[in-house]
Amino acid sequence: MAGAGNISADWYRRHAERYAQVADEWSQSIWVTHSHPALTDEQAALDRLVALAPGRCGLDVGCGAGARDVYRLMLAGYDVTGIDTIEENVSLARTRHPEIAARVSVHDIREPLPFADASFDFAFCNSVIQHLEPEALYGVTLPEFSRVLRPDGALQLIFKCGSGVLTIEDPDYGAERSFRLYEPDEVIAQLAELGLALVRPRTAGEMGGVLHCEDHRRIDTCVMWVQQGAAASR
C-alpha cells in the first residue's frame, strides 16, 4: 500500500490496543457538528443504514481493532461479518469478543472480496476508504461492494472529505496519522456507474443525500448511503 495507505497500515499495527479503547469510548464516533440534526454519531448513521436494508445480513468492511460494530450488531440480532486488512485488529477482536471469532477475518480490500455475489443486505465502510489509493478504491473496492450487495442492498460510506493527503497529530493517540481525502461528488459518480444510487431524503426530517459532520478533531467528514437499482429513489 503506497502513500497514506502504507502509513495507515503501520499506524494501525502499532496502535491496535488503543484503537479498540477509543472505539469503545466513542470519542471519535460522536459528532460535535453535523449537517442534519439526527446525525449525532455513528450509531445514528448505522440505524439509518439498517432501516434501508432489505434484510439483516451485513458486512463491516474495515471492522477495526475489536470489531465493535460487528459485536454490537450481533447482540442486536443481525448476522454480520467483519473483515479488516490488519491482522492485529482481527486478533484483538477475537480476544475481546470470542463470540464473534468466526465472524471476523483478515482481508485486504484492495483485492476481490471472498464472498459470493449478492451475499449481503447491507455493508458499511466507516473511515476506511481514506486509507486507499484511488486506483484501488475505484478499480476494485467499490465494484466489489456492488457485487456482494443483494438487490436493493444498502451501502454506507463515511470518509474524510477534500483532496490530497491530510496529516494530523491525533490527540487521542498522541501520534501522527495521515488520511487520503476524497471528494464526495467523485465517489458518487463512480458508485452510480456501478448501479449504486445515492439515497435522497423523501421527507423533511429523513437523512439522505451527502451529509457532513466533524468529531472533536474538526475534520470535514462525509456520510452517505447508496442502494442498488432504483431503491434509493423510492
C-alpha atoms as a PDB file:
ATOM      1  CA  MET A   1       0.000   0.000   0.000  1.00  0.00           C
ATOM      2  CA  ALA A   2       1.508   3.286  -1.069  1.00  0.00           C
ATOM      3  CA  GLY A   3       1.147   6.823   0.220  1.00  0.00           C
ATOM      4  CA  ALA A   4      -1.374   7.348   3.027  1.00  0.00           C
ATOM      5  CA  GLY A   5      -2.357   3.684   2.906  1.00  0.00           C
ATOM      6  CA  ASN A   6       1.111   2.440   3.814  1.00  0.00           C
ATOM      7  CA  ILE A   7       1.382   4.979   6.632  1.00  0.00           C
ATOM      8  CA  SER A   8      -2.041   3.971   7.919  1.00  0.00           C
ATOM      9  CA  ALA A   9      -1.337   0.217   7.911  1.00  0.00           C
ATOM     10  CA  ASP A  10       1.782   0.685  10.001  1.00  0.00           C
ATOM     11  CA  TRP A  11      -0.053   3.073  12.311  1.00  0.00           C
ATOM     12  CA  TYR A  12      -2.885   0.607  12.970  1.00  0.00           C
ATOM     13  CA  ARG A  13      -0.473  -2.197  13.754  1.00  0.00           C
ATOM     14  CA  ARG A  14       1.220  -0.061  16.389  1.00  0.00           C
ATOM     15  CA  HIS A  15      -1.967   1.311  17.912  1.00  0.00           C
ATOM     16  CA  ALA A  16      -4.421  -1.608  17.764  1.00  0.00           C
ATOM     17  CA  GLU A  17      -4.992  -1.792  21.521  1.00  0.00           C
ATOM     18  CA  ARG A  18      -5.542   1.938  21.867  1.00  0.00           C
ATOM     19  CA  TYR A  19      -7.798   1.980  18.790  1.00  0.00           C
ATOM     20  CA  ALA A  20     -10.106  -0.574  20.400  1.00  0.00           C
ATOM     21  CA  GLN A  21     -10.257   1.569  23.543  1.00  0.00           C
ATOM     22  CA  VAL A  22     -11.060   4.727  21.582  1.00  0.00           C
ATOM     23  CA  ALA A  23     -13.795   2.873  19.692  1.00  0.00           C
ATOM     24  CA  ASP A  24     -15.373   1.615  22.914  1.00  0.00           C
ATOM     25  CA  GLU A  25     -15.175   5.122  24.428  1.00  0.00           C
ATOM     26  CA  TRP A  26     -16.878   6.578  21.308  1.00  0.00           C
ATOM     27  CA  SER A  27     -14.531   9.557  21.496  1.00  0.00           C
ATOM     28  CA  GLN A  28     -14.238   9.715  17.683  1.00  0.00           C
ATOM     29  CA  SER A  29     -17.716   8.312  16.987  1.00  0.00           C
ATOM     30  CA  ILE A  30     -19.709  11.277  18.325  1.00  0.00           C
ATOM     31  CA  TRP A  31     -20.023  14.255  16.005  1.00  0.00           C
ATOM     32  CA  VAL A  32     -19.791  17.718  17.513  1.00  0.00           C
ATOM     33  CA  THR A  33     -21.037  19.318  14.280  1.00  0.00           C
ATOM     34  CA  HIS A  34     -23.425  17.726  11.799  1.00  0.00           C
ATOM     35  CA  SER A  35     -25.414  18.928   8.808  1.00  0.00           C
ATOM     36  CA  HIS A  36     -28.554  17.020   9.826  1.00  0.00           C
ATOM     37  CA  PRO A  37     -29.968  17.206  13.368  1.00  0.00           C
ATOM     38  CA  ALA A  38     -30.392  13.418  13.562  1.00  0.00           C
ATOM     39  CA  LEU A  39     -26.795  12.695  12.521  1.00  0.00           C
ATOM     40  CA  THR A  40     -25.351  12.854  16.013  1.00  0.00           C
ATOM     41  CA  ASP A  41     -22.988   9.871  15.950  1.00  0.00           C
ATOM     42  CA  GLU A  42     -22.022   6.664  14.173  1.00  0.00           C
ATOM     43  CA  GLN A  43     -24.915   4.817  15.785  1.00  0.00           C
ATOM     44  CA  ALA A  44     -27.407   7.198  14.176  1.00  0.00           C
ATOM     45  CA  ALA A  45     -25.788   6.548  10.799  1.00  0.00           C
ATOM     46  CA  LEU A  46     -25.878   2.795  11.337  1.00  0.00           C
ATOM     47  CA  ASP A  47     -29.540   2.942  12.363  1.00  0.00           C
ATOM     48  CA  ARG A  48     -30.292   4.665   9.067  1.00  0.00           C
ATOM     49  CA  LEU A  49     -28.373   2.021   7.125  1.00  0.00           C
ATOM     50  CA  VAL A  50     -30.145  -0.990   8.616  1.00  0.00           C
ATOM     51  CA  ALA A  51     -33.509   0.726   8.118  1.00  0.00           C
ATOM     52  CA  LEU A  52     -32.713   0.956   4.392  1.00  0.00           C
ATOM     53  CA  ALA A  53     -31.546  -2.647   4.055  1.00  0.00           C
ATOM     54  CA  PRO A  54     -33.877  -5.368   2.714  1.00  0.00           C
ATOM     55  CA  GLY A  55     -32.693  -7.862   5.368  1.00  0.00           C
ATOM     56  CA  ARG A  56     -30.456  -8.401   8.387  1.00  0.00           C
ATOM     57  CA  CYS A  57     -27.279  -9.832   6.837  1.00  0.00           C
ATOM     58  CA  GLY A  58     -24.427  -7.317   6.788  1.00  0.00           C
ATOM     59  CA  LEU A  59     -20.744  -6.762   6.140  1.00  0.00           C
ATOM     60  CA  ASP A  60     -18.470  -4.440   8.130  1.00  0.00           C
ATOM     61  CA  VAL A  61     -15.622  -3.536   5.782  1.00  0.00           C
ATOM     62  CA  GLY A  62     -12.671  -2.454   7.897  1.00  0.00           C
ATOM     63  CA  CYS A  63     -14.167  -3.578  11.204  1.00  0.00           C
ATOM     64  CA  GLY A  64     -11.173  -2.239  13.138  1.00  0.00           C
ATOM     65  CA  ALA A  65      -9.434  -3.390  16.286  1.00  0.00           C
ATOM     66  CA  GLY A  66     -12.019  -5.064  18.494  1.00  0.00           C
ATOM     67  CA  ALA A  67     -14.717  -5.123  15.761  1.00  0.00           C
ATOM     68  CA  ARG A  68     -17.014  -3.042  17.963  1.00  0.00           C
ATOM     69  CA  ASP A  69     -19.886  -2.789  15.499  1.00  0.00           C
ATOM     70  CA  VAL A  70     -19.825  -6.465  14.484  1.00  0.00           C
ATOM     71  CA  TYR A  71     -20.210  -7.363  18.142  1.00  0.00           C
ATOM     72  CA  ARG A  72     -22.944  -4.817  18.837  1.00  0.00           C
ATOM     73  CA  LEU A  73     -24.967  -5.745  15.760  1.00  0.00           C
ATOM     74  CA  MET A  74     -24.677  -9.448  16.583  1.00  0.00           C
ATOM     75  CA  LEU A  75     -26.121  -8.739  20.039  1.00  0.00           C
ATOM     76  CA  ALA A  76     -28.982  -6.894  18.336  1.00  0.00           C
ATOM     77  CA  GLY A  77     -29.820  -9.963  16.250  1.00  0.00           C
ATOM     78  CA  TYR A  78     -28.079  -9.166  12.971  1.00  0.00           C
ATOM     79  CA  ASP A  79     -25.979 -11.651  11.005  1.00  0.00           C
ATOM     80  CA  VAL A  80     -22.837  -9.575  10.457  1.00  0.00           C
ATOM     81  CA  THR A  81     -19.402 -10.443   9.088  1.00  0.00           C
ATOM     82  CA  GLY A  82     -16.358  -8.240   9.611  1.00  0.00           C
ATOM     83  CA  ILE A  83     -13.147  -8.002   7.601  1.00  0.00           C
ATOM     84  CA  ASP A  84     -10.035  -5.943   8.195  1.00  0.00           C
ATOM     85  CA  THR A  85      -6.680  -5.606   6.452  1.00  0.00           C
ATOM     86  CA  ILE A  86      -4.709  -5.552   9.703  1.00  0.00           C
ATOM     87  CA  GLU A  87      -4.128  -8.945  11.343  1.00  0.00           C
ATOM     88  CA  GLU A  88      -3.628  -7.334  14.763  1.00  0.00           C
ATOM     89  CA  ASN A  89      -7.088  -5.772  14.553  1.00  0.00           C
ATOM     90  CA  VAL A  90      -8.768  -9.092  13.873  1.00  0.00           C
ATOM     91  CA  SER A  91      -6.776 -10.914  16.553  1.00  0.00           C
ATOM     92  CA  LEU A  92      -7.785  -8.297  19.088  1.00  0.00           C
ATOM     93  CA  ALA A  93     -11.453  -8.611  18.095  1.00  0.00           C
ATOM     94  CA  ARG A  94     -11.334 -12.359  18.674  1.00  0.00           C
ATOM     95  CA  THR A  95      -9.671 -11.868  22.057  1.00  0.00           C
ATOM     96  CA  ARG A  96     -12.052  -9.169  23.265  1.00  0.00           C
ATOM     97  CA  HIS A  97     -15.211 -10.796  21.898  1.00  0.00           C
ATOM     98  CA  PRO A  98     -14.819 -14.588  21.470  1.00  0.00           C
ATOM     99  CA  GLU A  99     -18.488 -14.730  20.404  1.00  0.00           C
ATOM    100  CA  ILE A 100     -17.586 -13.171  17.061  1.00  0.00           C
ATOM    101  CA  ALA A 101     -14.343 -15.079  16.429  1.00  0.00           C
ATOM    102  CA  ALA A 102     -15.832 -16.922  13.457  1.00  0.00           C
ATOM    103  CA  ARG A 103     -17.392 -13.741  12.085  1.00  0.00           C
ATOM    104  CA  VAL A 104     -14.189 -11.727  11.600  1.00  0.00           C
ATOM    105  CA  SER A 105     -11.258 -12.360   9.283  1.00  0.00           C
ATOM    106  CA  VAL A 106      -8.264 -10.724   7.664  1.00  0.00           C
ATOM    107  CA  HIS A 107      -8.734  -9.496   4.106  1.00  0.00           C
ATOM    108  CA  ASP A 108      -7.094  -6.766   2.049  1.00  0.00           C
ATOM    109  CA  ILE A 109      -9.917  -4.823   0.410  1.00  0.00           C
ATOM    110  CA  ARG A 110      -7.642  -3.843  -2.450  1.00  0.00           C
ATOM    111  CA  GLU A 111      -8.314  -7.426  -3.569  1.00  0.00           C
ATOM    112  CA  PRO A 112     -11.654  -9.037  -4.588  1.00  0.00           C
ATOM    113  CA  LEU A 113     -13.853  -9.845  -1.616  1.00  0.00           C
ATOM    114  CA  PRO A 114     -14.053 -13.530  -0.583  1.00  0.00           C
ATOM    115  CA  PHE A 115     -17.844 -13.647  -0.805  1.00  0.00           C
ATOM    116  CA  ALA A 116     -20.328 -14.786  -3.429  1.00  0.00           C
ATOM    117  CA  ASP A 117     -22.366 -12.367  -5.494  1.00  0.00           C
ATOM    118  CA  ALA A 118     -25.376 -10.850  -3.704  1.00  0.00           C
ATOM    119  CA  SER A 119     -24.320 -12.105  -0.258  1.00  0.00           C
ATOM    120  CA  PHE A 120     -25.330  -9.131   1.900  1.00  0.00           C
ATOM    121  CA  ASP A 121     -28.348  -6.933   2.563  1.00  0.00           C
ATOM    122  CA  PHE A 122     -26.145  -4.098   3.759  1.00  0.00           C
ATOM    123  CA  ALA A 123     -22.494  -3.141   4.046  1.00  0.00           C
ATOM    124  CA  PHE A 124     -20.736  -0.321   5.816  1.00  0.00           C
ATOM    125  CA  CYS A 125     -17.264   1.063   5.369  1.00  0.00           C
ATOM    126  CA  ASN A 126     -16.576   3.668   8.032  1.00  0.00           C
ATOM    127  CA  SER A 127     -13.380   5.713   7.884  1.00  0.00           C
ATOM    128  CA  VAL A 128     -11.647   3.178   5.645  1.00  0.00           C
ATOM    129  CA  ILE A 129     -11.536   4.407   2.045  1.00  0.00           C
ATOM    130  CA  GLN A 130      -9.398   7.319   3.271  1.00  0.00           C
ATOM    131  CA  HIS A 131      -6.570   4.755   3.546  1.00  0.00           C
ATOM    132  CA  LEU A 132      -6.884   3.579  -0.082  1.00  0.00           C
ATOM    133  CA  GLU A 133      -5.307   4.927  -3.225  1.00  0.00           C
ATOM    134  CA  PRO A 134      -7.822   5.935  -5.949  1.00  0.00           C
ATOM    135  CA  GLU A 135      -6.855   3.126  -8.322  1.00  0.00           C
ATOM    136  CA  ALA A 136      -7.668   0.529  -5.654  1.00  0.00           C
ATOM    137  CA  LEU A 137     -10.841   2.260  -4.488  1.00  0.00           C
ATOM    138  CA  TYR A 138     -12.335   2.787  -7.938  1.00  0.00           C
ATOM    139  CA  GLY A 139     -10.852  -0.250  -9.649  1.00  0.00           C
ATOM    140  CA  VAL A 140     -11.527  -2.920  -7.025  1.00  0.00           C
ATOM    141  CA  THR A 141     -13.118  -1.895  -3.739  1.00  0.00           C
ATOM    142  CA  LEU A 142     -16.243  -0.066  -4.892  1.00  0.00           C
ATOM    143  CA  PRO A 143     -17.011  -2.591  -7.671  1.00  0.00           C
ATOM    144  CA  GLU A 144     -16.714  -5.377  -5.105  1.00  0.00           C
ATOM    145  CA  PHE A 145     -19.157  -3.624  -2.786  1.00  0.00           C
ATOM    146  CA  SER A 146     -21.668  -3.512  -5.628  1.00  0.00           C
ATOM    147  CA  ARG A 147     -21.091  -7.168  -6.486  1.00  0.00           C
ATOM    148  CA  VAL A 148     -21.701  -8.561  -2.995  1.00  0.00           C
ATOM    149  CA  LEU A 149     -24.834  -6.498  -2.268  1.00  0.00           C
ATOM    150  CA  ARG A 150     -28.231  -8.056  -2.880  1.00  0.00           C
ATOM    151  CA  PRO A 151     -30.897  -6.282  -4.961  1.00  0.00           C
ATOM    152  CA  ASP A 152     -31.980  -3.174  -3.035  1.00  0.00           C
ATOM    153  CA  GLY A 153     -28.953  -3.696  -0.758  1.00  0.00           C
ATOM    154  CA  ALA A 154     -27.634  -0.603   1.001  1.00  0.00           C
ATOM    155  CA  LEU A 155     -24.078   0.655   1.452  1.00  0.00           C
ATOM    156  CA  GLN A 156     -22.882   3.250   3.970  1.00  0.00           C
ATOM    157  CA  LEU A 157     -19.671   5.186   3.388  1.00  0.00           C
ATOM    158  CA  ILE A 158     -18.057   7.528   5.911  1.00  0.00           C
ATOM    159  CA  PHE A 159     -14.825   9.233   4.864  1.00  0.00           C
ATOM    160  CA  LYS A 160     -12.724  12.366   5.223  1.00  0.00           C
ATOM    161  CA  CYS A 161     -13.559  14.984   2.560  1.00  0.00           C
ATOM    162  CA  GLY A 162     -11.334  17.059   0.332  1.00  0.00           C
ATOM    163  CA  SER A 163      -8.333  16.488  -1.910  1.00  0.00           C
ATOM    164  CA  GLY A 164      -4.793  15.300  -1.347  1.00  0.00           C
ATOM    165  CA  VAL A 165      -3.465  13.774   1.885  1.00  0.00           C
ATOM    166  CA  LEU A 166      -4.126  15.254   5.327  1.00  0.00           C
ATOM    167  CA  THR A 167      -1.661  14.591   8.162  1.00  0.00           C
ATOM    168  CA  ILE A 168      -2.609  15.462  11.737  1.00  0.00           C
ATOM    169  CA  GLU A 169      -1.409  14.916  15.280  1.00  0.00           C
ATOM    170  CA  ASP A 170      -4.269  12.841  16.716  1.00  0.00           C
ATOM    171  CA  PRO A 171      -4.914  13.880  20.340  1.00  0.00           C
ATOM    172  CA  ASP A 172      -6.492  10.525  21.262  1.00  0.00           C
ATOM    173  CA  TYR A 173      -3.245   8.749  20.449  1.00  0.00           C
ATOM    174  CA  GLY A 174      -0.545  11.366  20.841  1.00  0.00           C
ATOM    175  CA  ALA A 175       0.675  10.249  17.427  1.00  0.00           C
ATOM    176  CA  GLU A 176       0.682  11.495  13.864  1.00  0.00           C
ATOM    177  CA  ARG A 177      -1.566   9.902  11.260  1.00  0.00           C
ATOM    178  CA  SER A 178      -2.472  10.514   7.637  1.00  0.00           C
ATOM    179  CA  PHE A 179      -5.658  10.293   5.577  1.00  0.00           C
ATOM    180  CA  ARG A 180      -6.285  10.414   1.843  1.00  0.00           C
ATOM    181  CA  LEU A 181      -9.163  12.801   1.185  1.00  0.00           C
ATOM    182  CA  TYR A 182     -11.911  12.162  -1.369  1.00  0.00           C
ATOM    183  CA  GLU A 183     -14.433  14.498  -2.972  1.00  0.00           C
ATOM    184  CA  PRO A 184     -17.996  13.209  -2.398  1.00  0.00           C
ATOM    185  CA  ASP A 185     -19.178  14.032  -5.929  1.00  0.00           C
ATOM    186  CA  GLU A 186     -16.390  11.939  -7.420  1.00  0.00           C
ATOM    187  CA  VAL A 187     -17.243   8.970  -5.210  1.00  0.00           C
ATOM    188  CA  ILE A 188     -20.960   9.292  -6.022  1.00  0.00           C
ATOM    189  CA  ALA A 189     -20.228   9.350  -9.762  1.00  0.00           C
ATOM    190  CA  GLN A 190     -18.156   6.185  -9.512  1.00  0.00           C
ATOM    191  CA  LEU A 191     -20.870   4.461  -7.474  1.00  0.00           C
ATOM    192  CA  ALA A 192     -23.535   5.482  -9.999  1.00  0.00           C
ATOM    193  CA  GLU A 193     -21.598   3.721 -12.755  1.00  0.00           C
ATOM    194  CA  LEU A 194     -21.844   0.577 -10.640  1.00  0.00           C
ATOM    195  CA  GLY A 195     -25.622   0.865 -10.268  1.00  0.00           C
ATOM    196  CA  LEU A 196     -25.497   2.275  -6.738  1.00  0.00           C
ATOM    197  CA  ALA A 197     -27.714   5.348  -6.406  1.00  0.00           C
ATOM    198  CA  LEU A 198     -27.420   7.966  -3.691  1.00  0.00           C
ATOM    199  CA  VAL A 199     -30.222   7.712  -1.119  1.00  0.00           C
ATOM    200  CA  ARG A 200     -32.046  11.031  -1.002  1.00  0.00           C
ATOM    201  CA  PRO A 201     -34.452  12.176   1.724  1.00  0.00           C
ATOM    202  CA  ARG A 202     -38.120  11.682   0.961  1.00  0.00           C
ATOM    203  CA  THR A 203     -39.354  13.775   3.898  1.00  0.00           C
ATOM    204  CA  ALA A 204     -38.003  16.906   5.559  1.00  0.00           C
ATOM    205  CA  GLY A 205     -36.695  15.008   8.590  1.00  0.00           C
ATOM    206  CA  GLU A 206     -35.234  11.984   6.833  1.00  0.00           C
ATOM    207  CA  MET A 207     -31.471  11.610   6.447  1.00  0.00           C
ATOM    208  CA  GLY A 208     -30.168  11.304   2.917  1.00  0.00           C
ATOM    209  CA  GLY A 209     -28.061  12.951   0.268  1.00  0.00           C
ATOM    210  CA  VAL A 210     -24.500  13.943   1.166  1.00  0.00           C
ATOM    211  CA  LEU A 211     -24.230  14.781   4.853  1.00  0.00           C
ATOM    212  CA  HIS A 212     -21.270  16.302   6.658  1.00  0.00           C
ATOM    213  CA  CYS A 213     -20.035  16.080  10.224  1.00  0.00           C
ATOM    214  CA  GLU A 214     -16.964  16.588  12.413  1.00  0.00           C
ATOM    215  CA  ASP A 215     -15.751  14.853  15.543  1.00  0.00           C
ATOM    216  CA  HIS A 216     -13.638  16.726  18.106  1.00  0.00           C
ATOM    217  CA  ARG A 217     -10.687  16.778  15.662  1.00  0.00           C
ATOM    218  CA  ARG A 218     -12.703  19.063  13.365  1.00  0.00           C
ATOM    219  CA  ILE A 219     -12.005  17.235  10.105  1.00  0.00           C
ATOM    220  CA  ASP A 220     -14.733  17.530   7.459  1.00  0.00           C
ATOM    221  CA  THR A 221     -16.259  14.067   7.158  1.00  0.00           C
ATOM    222  CA  CYS A 222     -18.844  12.840   4.651  1.00  0.00           C
ATOM    223  CA  VAL A 223     -21.653  10.388   5.410  1.00  0.00           C
ATOM    224  CA  MET A 224     -23.694   8.862   2.608  1.00  0.00           C
ATOM    225  CA  TRP A 225     -25.884   5.884   1.828  1.00  0.00           C
ATOM    226  CA  VAL A 226     -26.363   4.322  -1.607  1.00  0.00           C
ATOM    227  CA  GLN A 227     -28.565   1.481  -2.811  1.00  0.00           C
ATOM    228  CA  GLN A 228     -28.656  -0.980  -5.634  1.00  0.00           C
ATOM    229  CA  GLY A 229     -31.008  -0.237  -8.515  1.00  0.00           C
ATOM    230  CA  ALA A 230     -33.989   2.029  -8.083  1.00  0.00           C
ATOM    231  CA  ALA A 231     -34.417   1.546  -4.340  1.00  0.00           C
ATOM    232  CA  ALA A 232     -32.795   4.877  -3.486  1.00  0.00           C
ATOM    233  CA  SER A 233     -35.366   6.945  -5.363  1.00  0.00           C
ATOM    234  CA  ARG A 234     -38.490   5.390  -3.858  1.00  0.00           C
END
